[in-house]
N, C-alpha and C. Protein backbone atom coordinates (compact mmCIF):
# COMPACT_ATOMS: atom_id res chain seq x y z
N MET A 1 -47.34 -40.41 -125.50
CA MET A 1 -46.86 -39.93 -124.23
C MET A 1 -46.44 -41.09 -123.34
N ASN A 2 -45.52 -40.84 -122.49
CA ASN A 2 -45.04 -41.83 -121.55
C ASN A 2 -46.13 -42.15 -120.53
N ALA A 3 -46.16 -43.38 -120.12
CA ALA A 3 -47.19 -43.83 -119.18
C ALA A 3 -47.03 -43.23 -117.79
N ASN A 4 -45.86 -42.72 -117.47
CA ASN A 4 -45.67 -42.20 -116.12
C ASN A 4 -46.10 -40.74 -116.02
N ALA A 5 -47.38 -40.52 -116.34
CA ALA A 5 -47.95 -39.17 -116.22
C ALA A 5 -47.96 -38.78 -114.75
N GLN A 6 -47.78 -37.51 -114.49
CA GLN A 6 -47.70 -37.03 -113.13
C GLN A 6 -48.78 -35.98 -112.92
N THR A 7 -49.32 -35.97 -111.73
CA THR A 7 -50.28 -34.93 -111.39
C THR A 7 -49.85 -34.29 -110.09
N ARG A 8 -50.25 -33.05 -109.95
CA ARG A 8 -50.00 -32.30 -108.73
C ARG A 8 -51.30 -31.67 -108.31
N PRO A 9 -51.53 -31.47 -107.03
CA PRO A 9 -52.80 -30.88 -106.59
C PRO A 9 -53.09 -29.57 -107.32
N GLY A 10 -54.31 -29.45 -107.83
CA GLY A 10 -54.73 -28.23 -108.51
C GLY A 10 -54.15 -28.03 -109.89
N MET A 11 -53.47 -29.05 -110.42
CA MET A 11 -52.86 -28.90 -111.75
C MET A 11 -53.30 -30.03 -112.67
N ARG A 12 -53.19 -29.77 -113.95
CA ARG A 12 -53.52 -30.77 -114.95
C ARG A 12 -52.44 -31.84 -115.00
N PRO A 13 -52.78 -33.02 -115.53
CA PRO A 13 -51.78 -34.08 -115.64
C PRO A 13 -50.62 -33.67 -116.55
N LEU A 14 -49.45 -34.13 -116.18
CA LEU A 14 -48.24 -33.88 -116.95
C LEU A 14 -47.68 -35.22 -117.39
N ALA A 15 -47.01 -35.24 -118.54
CA ALA A 15 -46.45 -36.50 -119.02
C ALA A 15 -45.12 -36.27 -119.72
N PHE A 16 -44.19 -37.20 -119.51
CA PHE A 16 -42.89 -37.20 -120.19
C PHE A 16 -42.99 -37.96 -121.49
N ALA A 17 -42.19 -37.53 -122.45
CA ALA A 17 -42.07 -38.25 -123.73
C ALA A 17 -40.64 -38.07 -124.23
N ALA A 18 -40.17 -39.06 -124.95
CA ALA A 18 -38.86 -38.93 -125.59
C ALA A 18 -38.91 -37.76 -126.56
N MET A 19 -37.87 -36.95 -126.56
CA MET A 19 -37.82 -35.79 -127.43
C MET A 19 -37.67 -36.23 -128.89
N ARG A 20 -38.36 -35.50 -129.76
CA ARG A 20 -38.26 -35.73 -131.21
C ARG A 20 -37.73 -34.46 -131.87
N ILE A 21 -37.20 -34.61 -133.05
CA ILE A 21 -36.72 -33.44 -133.81
C ILE A 21 -37.83 -32.41 -133.93
N GLU A 22 -39.08 -32.86 -134.07
CA GLU A 22 -40.22 -31.96 -134.21
C GLU A 22 -40.44 -31.09 -132.97
N ASP A 23 -39.88 -31.48 -131.83
CA ASP A 23 -40.01 -30.69 -130.60
C ASP A 23 -39.04 -29.52 -130.55
N LEU A 24 -38.05 -29.50 -131.42
CA LEU A 24 -36.92 -28.58 -131.24
C LEU A 24 -37.24 -27.11 -131.39
N ASP A 25 -38.22 -26.74 -132.19
CA ASP A 25 -38.57 -25.31 -132.27
C ASP A 25 -39.01 -24.80 -130.89
N GLU A 26 -39.83 -25.59 -130.20
CA GLU A 26 -40.29 -25.20 -128.86
C GLU A 26 -39.13 -25.24 -127.86
N VAL A 27 -38.29 -26.27 -127.95
CA VAL A 27 -37.15 -26.41 -127.05
C VAL A 27 -36.21 -25.22 -127.21
N VAL A 28 -35.88 -24.88 -128.45
CA VAL A 28 -34.97 -23.77 -128.71
C VAL A 28 -35.56 -22.45 -128.20
N ALA A 29 -36.86 -22.27 -128.34
CA ALA A 29 -37.50 -21.04 -127.84
C ALA A 29 -37.35 -20.93 -126.32
N ILE A 30 -37.57 -22.03 -125.60
CA ILE A 30 -37.38 -22.01 -124.14
C ILE A 30 -35.92 -21.75 -123.81
N GLU A 31 -35.03 -22.45 -124.49
CA GLU A 31 -33.58 -22.31 -124.24
C GLU A 31 -33.14 -20.85 -124.37
N LYS A 32 -33.59 -20.19 -125.44
CA LYS A 32 -33.21 -18.79 -125.66
C LYS A 32 -33.80 -17.86 -124.60
N ALA A 33 -34.98 -18.22 -124.08
CA ALA A 33 -35.63 -17.38 -123.08
C ALA A 33 -34.98 -17.50 -121.70
N VAL A 34 -34.39 -18.65 -121.39
CA VAL A 34 -33.91 -18.86 -120.02
C VAL A 34 -32.40 -18.82 -119.86
N TYR A 35 -31.63 -18.81 -120.94
CA TYR A 35 -30.17 -18.81 -120.82
C TYR A 35 -29.54 -17.63 -121.56
N SER A 36 -28.49 -17.09 -120.97
CA SER A 36 -27.75 -16.00 -121.63
C SER A 36 -26.91 -16.52 -122.79
N HIS A 37 -26.50 -17.77 -122.71
CA HIS A 37 -25.71 -18.40 -123.77
C HIS A 37 -26.34 -19.75 -124.09
N PRO A 38 -27.45 -19.72 -124.84
CA PRO A 38 -28.22 -20.95 -125.08
C PRO A 38 -27.52 -21.92 -126.04
N TRP A 39 -27.91 -23.19 -125.91
CA TRP A 39 -27.51 -24.18 -126.89
C TRP A 39 -28.12 -23.78 -128.24
N THR A 40 -27.48 -24.21 -129.30
CA THR A 40 -28.01 -23.96 -130.64
C THR A 40 -28.92 -25.11 -131.07
N HIS A 41 -29.69 -24.88 -132.10
CA HIS A 41 -30.52 -25.94 -132.68
C HIS A 41 -29.64 -27.14 -133.02
N GLY A 42 -28.47 -26.89 -133.57
CA GLY A 42 -27.54 -27.96 -133.92
C GLY A 42 -27.07 -28.76 -132.72
N ASN A 43 -26.84 -28.10 -131.58
CA ASN A 43 -26.46 -28.82 -130.35
C ASN A 43 -27.54 -29.82 -129.96
N PHE A 44 -28.80 -29.39 -130.08
CA PHE A 44 -29.91 -30.28 -129.72
C PHE A 44 -30.02 -31.44 -130.70
N VAL A 45 -29.91 -31.16 -131.98
CA VAL A 45 -29.97 -32.22 -132.99
C VAL A 45 -28.87 -33.24 -132.74
N ASP A 46 -27.65 -32.76 -132.51
CA ASP A 46 -26.52 -33.66 -132.25
C ASP A 46 -26.78 -34.55 -131.04
N SER A 47 -27.35 -34.00 -129.99
CA SER A 47 -27.63 -34.77 -128.78
C SER A 47 -28.66 -35.86 -129.03
N ILE A 48 -29.72 -35.52 -129.77
CA ILE A 48 -30.74 -36.53 -130.10
C ILE A 48 -30.13 -37.62 -130.97
N GLN A 49 -29.38 -37.21 -132.00
CA GLN A 49 -28.80 -38.19 -132.92
C GLN A 49 -27.70 -39.02 -132.27
N SER A 50 -27.10 -38.52 -131.19
CA SER A 50 -26.07 -39.29 -130.48
C SER A 50 -26.67 -40.35 -129.56
N GLY A 51 -27.98 -40.35 -129.43
CA GLY A 51 -28.64 -41.37 -128.61
C GLY A 51 -28.69 -41.02 -127.13
N TYR A 52 -28.48 -39.76 -126.78
CA TYR A 52 -28.58 -39.35 -125.38
C TYR A 52 -30.04 -39.48 -124.93
N GLN A 53 -30.24 -39.51 -123.63
CA GLN A 53 -31.59 -39.49 -123.08
C GLN A 53 -32.10 -38.05 -123.20
N CYS A 54 -33.04 -37.82 -124.10
CA CYS A 54 -33.57 -36.48 -124.37
C CYS A 54 -35.08 -36.55 -124.16
N TRP A 55 -35.57 -35.83 -123.17
CA TRP A 55 -36.97 -35.94 -122.77
C TRP A 55 -37.62 -34.57 -122.66
N VAL A 56 -38.91 -34.54 -122.95
CA VAL A 56 -39.72 -33.34 -122.76
C VAL A 56 -40.83 -33.65 -121.76
N LEU A 57 -41.29 -32.62 -121.09
CA LEU A 57 -42.43 -32.71 -120.18
C LEU A 57 -43.50 -31.78 -120.70
N ARG A 58 -44.69 -32.33 -120.95
CA ARG A 58 -45.81 -31.56 -121.49
C ARG A 58 -47.02 -31.69 -120.57
N ASP A 59 -47.88 -30.65 -120.63
CA ASP A 59 -49.13 -30.72 -119.88
C ASP A 59 -50.21 -31.35 -120.77
N ALA A 60 -51.43 -31.42 -120.25
CA ALA A 60 -52.53 -32.09 -120.95
C ALA A 60 -52.86 -31.42 -122.28
N GLU A 61 -52.54 -30.13 -122.41
CA GLU A 61 -52.80 -29.40 -123.67
C GLU A 61 -51.59 -29.47 -124.60
N GLN A 62 -50.60 -30.30 -124.25
CA GLN A 62 -49.38 -30.50 -125.02
C GLN A 62 -48.45 -29.29 -125.00
N VAL A 63 -48.59 -28.44 -124.01
CA VAL A 63 -47.69 -27.30 -123.84
C VAL A 63 -46.38 -27.83 -123.25
N LEU A 64 -45.26 -27.49 -123.87
CA LEU A 64 -43.95 -27.91 -123.39
C LEU A 64 -43.56 -27.10 -122.16
N LEU A 65 -43.34 -27.80 -121.05
CA LEU A 65 -43.00 -27.14 -119.78
C LEU A 65 -41.52 -27.19 -119.47
N GLY A 66 -40.85 -28.24 -119.92
CA GLY A 66 -39.43 -28.39 -119.63
C GLY A 66 -38.84 -29.57 -120.38
N TYR A 67 -37.53 -29.70 -120.26
CA TYR A 67 -36.82 -30.77 -120.96
C TYR A 67 -35.48 -31.01 -120.31
N PHE A 68 -34.87 -32.15 -120.66
CA PHE A 68 -33.51 -32.42 -120.22
C PHE A 68 -32.79 -33.33 -121.21
N PHE A 69 -31.46 -33.26 -121.14
CA PHE A 69 -30.56 -34.09 -121.94
C PHE A 69 -29.57 -34.75 -120.99
N MET A 70 -29.49 -36.08 -121.07
CA MET A 70 -28.60 -36.82 -120.19
C MET A 70 -27.77 -37.79 -121.03
N MET A 71 -26.47 -37.81 -120.76
CA MET A 71 -25.54 -38.69 -121.46
C MET A 71 -25.04 -39.76 -120.48
N GLN A 72 -24.89 -40.97 -120.96
CA GLN A 72 -24.33 -42.04 -120.15
C GLN A 72 -22.83 -42.12 -120.42
N ALA A 73 -22.04 -42.20 -119.34
CA ALA A 73 -20.59 -42.36 -119.45
C ALA A 73 -20.19 -43.42 -118.43
N LEU A 74 -19.93 -44.61 -118.91
CA LEU A 74 -19.63 -45.76 -118.05
C LEU A 74 -20.76 -45.95 -117.05
N ASP A 75 -20.50 -45.74 -115.76
CA ASP A 75 -21.55 -45.95 -114.76
C ASP A 75 -22.08 -44.63 -114.20
N GLU A 76 -21.85 -43.54 -114.94
CA GLU A 76 -22.27 -42.23 -114.48
C GLU A 76 -23.16 -41.56 -115.52
N ALA A 77 -24.25 -40.98 -115.06
CA ALA A 77 -25.13 -40.19 -115.92
C ALA A 77 -24.67 -38.74 -115.85
N HIS A 78 -24.52 -38.11 -117.00
CA HIS A 78 -24.09 -36.70 -117.05
C HIS A 78 -25.28 -35.88 -117.54
N LEU A 79 -25.82 -35.05 -116.66
CA LEU A 79 -26.93 -34.18 -117.01
C LEU A 79 -26.36 -32.99 -117.78
N LEU A 80 -26.61 -32.95 -119.07
CA LEU A 80 -26.02 -31.94 -119.95
C LEU A 80 -26.83 -30.64 -119.97
N ASN A 81 -28.14 -30.76 -119.89
CA ASN A 81 -29.01 -29.59 -119.98
C ASN A 81 -30.33 -29.94 -119.33
N ILE A 82 -30.84 -29.02 -118.54
CA ILE A 82 -32.17 -29.17 -117.93
C ILE A 82 -32.77 -27.77 -117.88
N SER A 83 -33.99 -27.64 -118.37
CA SER A 83 -34.59 -26.31 -118.47
C SER A 83 -36.09 -26.37 -118.23
N VAL A 84 -36.59 -25.32 -117.59
CA VAL A 84 -38.02 -25.16 -117.32
C VAL A 84 -38.46 -23.85 -117.95
N ARG A 85 -39.58 -23.90 -118.65
CA ARG A 85 -40.13 -22.70 -119.27
C ARG A 85 -40.29 -21.61 -118.21
N GLU A 86 -39.91 -20.41 -118.57
CA GLU A 86 -39.82 -19.30 -117.61
C GLU A 86 -41.12 -19.05 -116.84
N ASP A 87 -42.25 -19.10 -117.51
CA ASP A 87 -43.51 -18.75 -116.84
C ASP A 87 -44.06 -19.85 -115.93
N VAL A 88 -43.41 -21.03 -115.89
CA VAL A 88 -43.84 -22.09 -114.97
C VAL A 88 -42.74 -22.48 -113.99
N GLN A 89 -41.70 -21.64 -113.90
CA GLN A 89 -40.66 -21.91 -112.91
C GLN A 89 -41.22 -21.69 -111.51
N ARG A 90 -40.58 -22.33 -110.53
CA ARG A 90 -40.97 -22.25 -109.11
C ARG A 90 -42.30 -22.94 -108.84
N GLN A 91 -42.63 -23.96 -109.67
CA GLN A 91 -43.87 -24.71 -109.47
C GLN A 91 -43.59 -26.22 -109.34
N GLY A 92 -42.33 -26.58 -109.11
CA GLY A 92 -42.00 -27.99 -108.93
C GLY A 92 -41.65 -28.73 -110.20
N ILE A 93 -41.65 -28.04 -111.34
CA ILE A 93 -41.34 -28.69 -112.62
C ILE A 93 -39.88 -29.16 -112.63
N GLY A 94 -38.97 -28.34 -112.13
CA GLY A 94 -37.55 -28.72 -112.09
C GLY A 94 -37.33 -29.99 -111.29
N LYS A 95 -38.01 -30.11 -110.15
CA LYS A 95 -37.90 -31.32 -109.34
C LYS A 95 -38.43 -32.53 -110.11
N MET A 96 -39.54 -32.34 -110.81
CA MET A 96 -40.09 -33.45 -111.60
C MET A 96 -39.10 -33.89 -112.68
N LEU A 97 -38.44 -32.92 -113.32
CA LEU A 97 -37.43 -33.26 -114.32
C LEU A 97 -36.27 -34.02 -113.68
N LEU A 98 -35.80 -33.55 -112.51
CA LEU A 98 -34.72 -34.25 -111.81
C LEU A 98 -35.14 -35.65 -111.38
N ASP A 99 -36.39 -35.80 -110.94
CA ASP A 99 -36.90 -37.13 -110.59
C ASP A 99 -36.81 -38.07 -111.79
N GLN A 100 -37.19 -37.56 -112.96
CA GLN A 100 -37.15 -38.38 -114.19
C GLN A 100 -35.71 -38.72 -114.56
N VAL A 101 -34.80 -37.75 -114.43
CA VAL A 101 -33.38 -38.00 -114.70
C VAL A 101 -32.89 -39.14 -113.82
N CYS A 102 -33.16 -39.07 -112.54
CA CYS A 102 -32.66 -40.08 -111.60
C CYS A 102 -33.32 -41.44 -111.84
N MET A 103 -34.60 -41.44 -112.15
CA MET A 103 -35.28 -42.70 -112.45
C MET A 103 -34.65 -43.38 -113.67
N LEU A 104 -34.41 -42.60 -114.71
CA LEU A 104 -33.78 -43.15 -115.92
C LEU A 104 -32.36 -43.62 -115.64
N ALA A 105 -31.61 -42.84 -114.88
CA ALA A 105 -30.23 -43.22 -114.55
C ALA A 105 -30.19 -44.53 -113.77
N ARG A 106 -31.10 -44.67 -112.82
CA ARG A 106 -31.16 -45.93 -112.06
C ARG A 106 -31.53 -47.09 -112.97
N ARG A 107 -32.50 -46.87 -113.85
CA ARG A 107 -32.93 -47.92 -114.77
C ARG A 107 -31.77 -48.35 -115.67
N LEU A 108 -30.90 -47.41 -116.00
CA LEU A 108 -29.73 -47.70 -116.83
C LEU A 108 -28.53 -48.18 -116.00
N GLN A 109 -28.76 -48.39 -114.72
CA GLN A 109 -27.77 -48.90 -113.77
C GLN A 109 -26.57 -47.95 -113.58
N MET A 110 -26.86 -46.66 -113.64
CA MET A 110 -25.84 -45.67 -113.36
C MET A 110 -25.64 -45.58 -111.85
N GLN A 111 -24.46 -45.23 -111.42
CA GLN A 111 -24.14 -45.13 -110.00
C GLN A 111 -24.30 -43.71 -109.45
N SER A 112 -24.31 -42.72 -110.35
CA SER A 112 -24.43 -41.33 -109.91
C SER A 112 -24.86 -40.46 -111.08
N VAL A 113 -25.25 -39.24 -110.74
CA VAL A 113 -25.57 -38.22 -111.74
C VAL A 113 -24.60 -37.06 -111.52
N LEU A 114 -23.99 -36.61 -112.60
CA LEU A 114 -23.02 -35.51 -112.57
C LEU A 114 -23.59 -34.36 -113.39
N LEU A 115 -23.32 -33.13 -112.96
CA LEU A 115 -23.73 -31.96 -113.73
C LEU A 115 -22.76 -30.81 -113.48
N GLU A 116 -22.80 -29.83 -114.37
CA GLU A 116 -22.08 -28.58 -114.18
C GLU A 116 -23.11 -27.45 -114.11
N VAL A 117 -22.80 -26.44 -113.30
CA VAL A 117 -23.68 -25.29 -113.15
C VAL A 117 -22.82 -24.04 -112.96
N ARG A 118 -23.29 -22.93 -113.50
CA ARG A 118 -22.59 -21.66 -113.32
C ARG A 118 -22.67 -21.21 -111.86
N PRO A 119 -21.58 -20.73 -111.27
CA PRO A 119 -21.65 -20.17 -109.92
C PRO A 119 -22.66 -19.02 -109.81
N SER A 120 -22.87 -18.30 -110.92
CA SER A 120 -23.83 -17.19 -110.90
C SER A 120 -25.28 -17.66 -110.91
N ASN A 121 -25.51 -18.94 -111.16
CA ASN A 121 -26.88 -19.48 -111.21
C ASN A 121 -27.25 -20.00 -109.82
N THR A 122 -27.41 -19.07 -108.89
CA THR A 122 -27.62 -19.44 -107.49
C THR A 122 -28.94 -20.18 -107.27
N ARG A 123 -29.97 -19.86 -108.04
CA ARG A 123 -31.25 -20.59 -107.91
C ARG A 123 -31.08 -22.05 -108.26
N ALA A 124 -30.39 -22.33 -109.36
CA ALA A 124 -30.17 -23.72 -109.75
C ALA A 124 -29.32 -24.45 -108.71
N ILE A 125 -28.28 -23.80 -108.23
CA ILE A 125 -27.42 -24.43 -107.22
C ILE A 125 -28.24 -24.81 -105.99
N ALA A 126 -29.11 -23.92 -105.55
CA ALA A 126 -29.95 -24.20 -104.38
C ALA A 126 -30.87 -25.39 -104.64
N ILE A 127 -31.44 -25.46 -105.82
CA ILE A 127 -32.31 -26.59 -106.18
C ILE A 127 -31.51 -27.89 -106.15
N TYR A 128 -30.34 -27.89 -106.77
CA TYR A 128 -29.52 -29.10 -106.80
C TYR A 128 -29.10 -29.51 -105.39
N GLN A 129 -28.73 -28.56 -104.56
CA GLN A 129 -28.33 -28.90 -103.18
C GLN A 129 -29.50 -29.49 -102.40
N ARG A 130 -30.69 -28.89 -102.53
CA ARG A 130 -31.87 -29.44 -101.85
C ARG A 130 -32.16 -30.85 -102.33
N TYR A 131 -31.88 -31.13 -103.59
CA TYR A 131 -32.14 -32.45 -104.15
C TYR A 131 -31.10 -33.48 -103.67
N GLY A 132 -29.95 -33.01 -103.20
CA GLY A 132 -28.93 -33.92 -102.68
C GLY A 132 -27.61 -33.90 -103.42
N PHE A 133 -27.50 -33.06 -104.44
CA PHE A 133 -26.23 -32.93 -105.16
C PHE A 133 -25.23 -32.21 -104.27
N ALA A 134 -23.96 -32.58 -104.40
CA ALA A 134 -22.89 -31.92 -103.65
C ALA A 134 -21.79 -31.51 -104.62
N GLU A 135 -21.16 -30.39 -104.32
CA GLU A 135 -20.04 -29.93 -105.14
C GLU A 135 -18.86 -30.88 -104.99
N ILE A 136 -18.28 -31.28 -106.13
CA ILE A 136 -17.10 -32.15 -106.10
C ILE A 136 -15.90 -31.53 -106.79
N GLY A 137 -16.09 -30.35 -107.40
CA GLY A 137 -14.97 -29.70 -108.05
C GLY A 137 -15.41 -28.50 -108.86
N ARG A 138 -14.44 -27.93 -109.57
CA ARG A 138 -14.68 -26.76 -110.42
C ARG A 138 -13.97 -26.98 -111.75
N ARG A 139 -14.54 -26.42 -112.81
CA ARG A 139 -13.90 -26.43 -114.13
C ARG A 139 -13.65 -24.97 -114.50
N ARG A 140 -12.38 -24.62 -114.67
CA ARG A 140 -12.02 -23.24 -115.01
C ARG A 140 -12.45 -22.91 -116.43
N ASP A 141 -12.91 -21.67 -116.63
CA ASP A 141 -13.24 -21.14 -117.96
C ASP A 141 -14.15 -22.07 -118.77
N TYR A 142 -15.13 -22.64 -118.12
CA TYR A 142 -15.99 -23.64 -118.75
C TYR A 142 -17.10 -23.03 -119.61
N TYR A 143 -17.76 -22.00 -119.09
CA TYR A 143 -18.91 -21.40 -119.77
C TYR A 143 -18.53 -20.09 -120.44
N PRO A 144 -19.13 -19.81 -121.61
CA PRO A 144 -18.97 -18.46 -122.17
C PRO A 144 -19.72 -17.46 -121.28
N ALA A 145 -19.18 -16.27 -121.20
CA ALA A 145 -19.80 -15.21 -120.39
C ALA A 145 -19.79 -13.91 -121.19
N ALA A 146 -20.42 -12.91 -120.67
CA ALA A 146 -20.51 -11.62 -121.34
C ALA A 146 -19.12 -11.03 -121.59
N GLY A 147 -19.01 -10.28 -122.66
CA GLY A 147 -17.76 -9.57 -122.97
C GLY A 147 -16.61 -10.49 -123.33
N ASP A 148 -16.89 -11.58 -124.03
CA ASP A 148 -15.85 -12.54 -124.45
C ASP A 148 -15.06 -13.10 -123.27
N LYS A 149 -15.68 -13.14 -122.12
CA LYS A 149 -15.05 -13.72 -120.94
C LYS A 149 -15.56 -15.14 -120.76
N ARG A 150 -15.03 -15.82 -119.75
CA ARG A 150 -15.43 -17.19 -119.44
C ARG A 150 -15.79 -17.27 -117.97
N GLU A 151 -16.69 -18.18 -117.63
CA GLU A 151 -17.09 -18.41 -116.24
C GLU A 151 -16.80 -19.86 -115.90
N GLU A 152 -16.31 -20.07 -114.69
CA GLU A 152 -16.03 -21.44 -114.27
C GLU A 152 -17.35 -22.20 -114.06
N ALA A 153 -17.25 -23.51 -113.93
CA ALA A 153 -18.39 -24.35 -113.63
C ALA A 153 -18.18 -25.01 -112.28
N ILE A 154 -19.27 -25.11 -111.52
CA ILE A 154 -19.26 -25.93 -110.33
C ILE A 154 -19.70 -27.33 -110.79
N VAL A 155 -18.92 -28.33 -110.46
CA VAL A 155 -19.27 -29.71 -110.78
C VAL A 155 -19.96 -30.30 -109.56
N MET A 156 -21.14 -30.85 -109.78
CA MET A 156 -21.92 -31.43 -108.69
C MET A 156 -22.25 -32.88 -109.01
N ARG A 157 -22.38 -33.68 -107.94
CA ARG A 157 -22.63 -35.11 -108.11
C ARG A 157 -23.70 -35.56 -107.11
N LEU A 158 -24.56 -36.48 -107.60
CA LEU A 158 -25.56 -37.11 -106.76
C LEU A 158 -25.37 -38.61 -106.84
N PRO A 159 -24.99 -39.26 -105.74
CA PRO A 159 -24.92 -40.73 -105.76
C PRO A 159 -26.33 -41.30 -105.86
N LEU A 160 -26.48 -42.38 -106.59
CA LEU A 160 -27.81 -43.01 -106.73
C LEU A 160 -27.93 -44.27 -105.87
């Protein structure tokens, strides 16, 4: 486990670790539970093998609480995926994941963090805005949606 274990009042210690292929069954289970159009097992394998920053957050009993995937592109970190297990949402886990993303991006000398989010994901948008991300554009027909349709993406950026 990573040395930067985190604790919150009334909660057990939490710790980040680099994601391993062995984590993917748990990761895929969370992904399928929280997204209408989840990444595939192959998407996760490709991201790990590509050398992206792939991290998991576990509690003291080794229960997987959340994860993220971040890609470096020149001086910008691109947050590709961030997810919190459904039964522990609204407990600050998402903020802890974002804190780790930003800490890693700064350590890698990135100048900003970029992400895309569905306009229909209003909870995530609110979290990102509270964290300091601002909308910088839109991508048409970016996400798959129900009924063979597509949904645009809001592009958000956080200067570091």
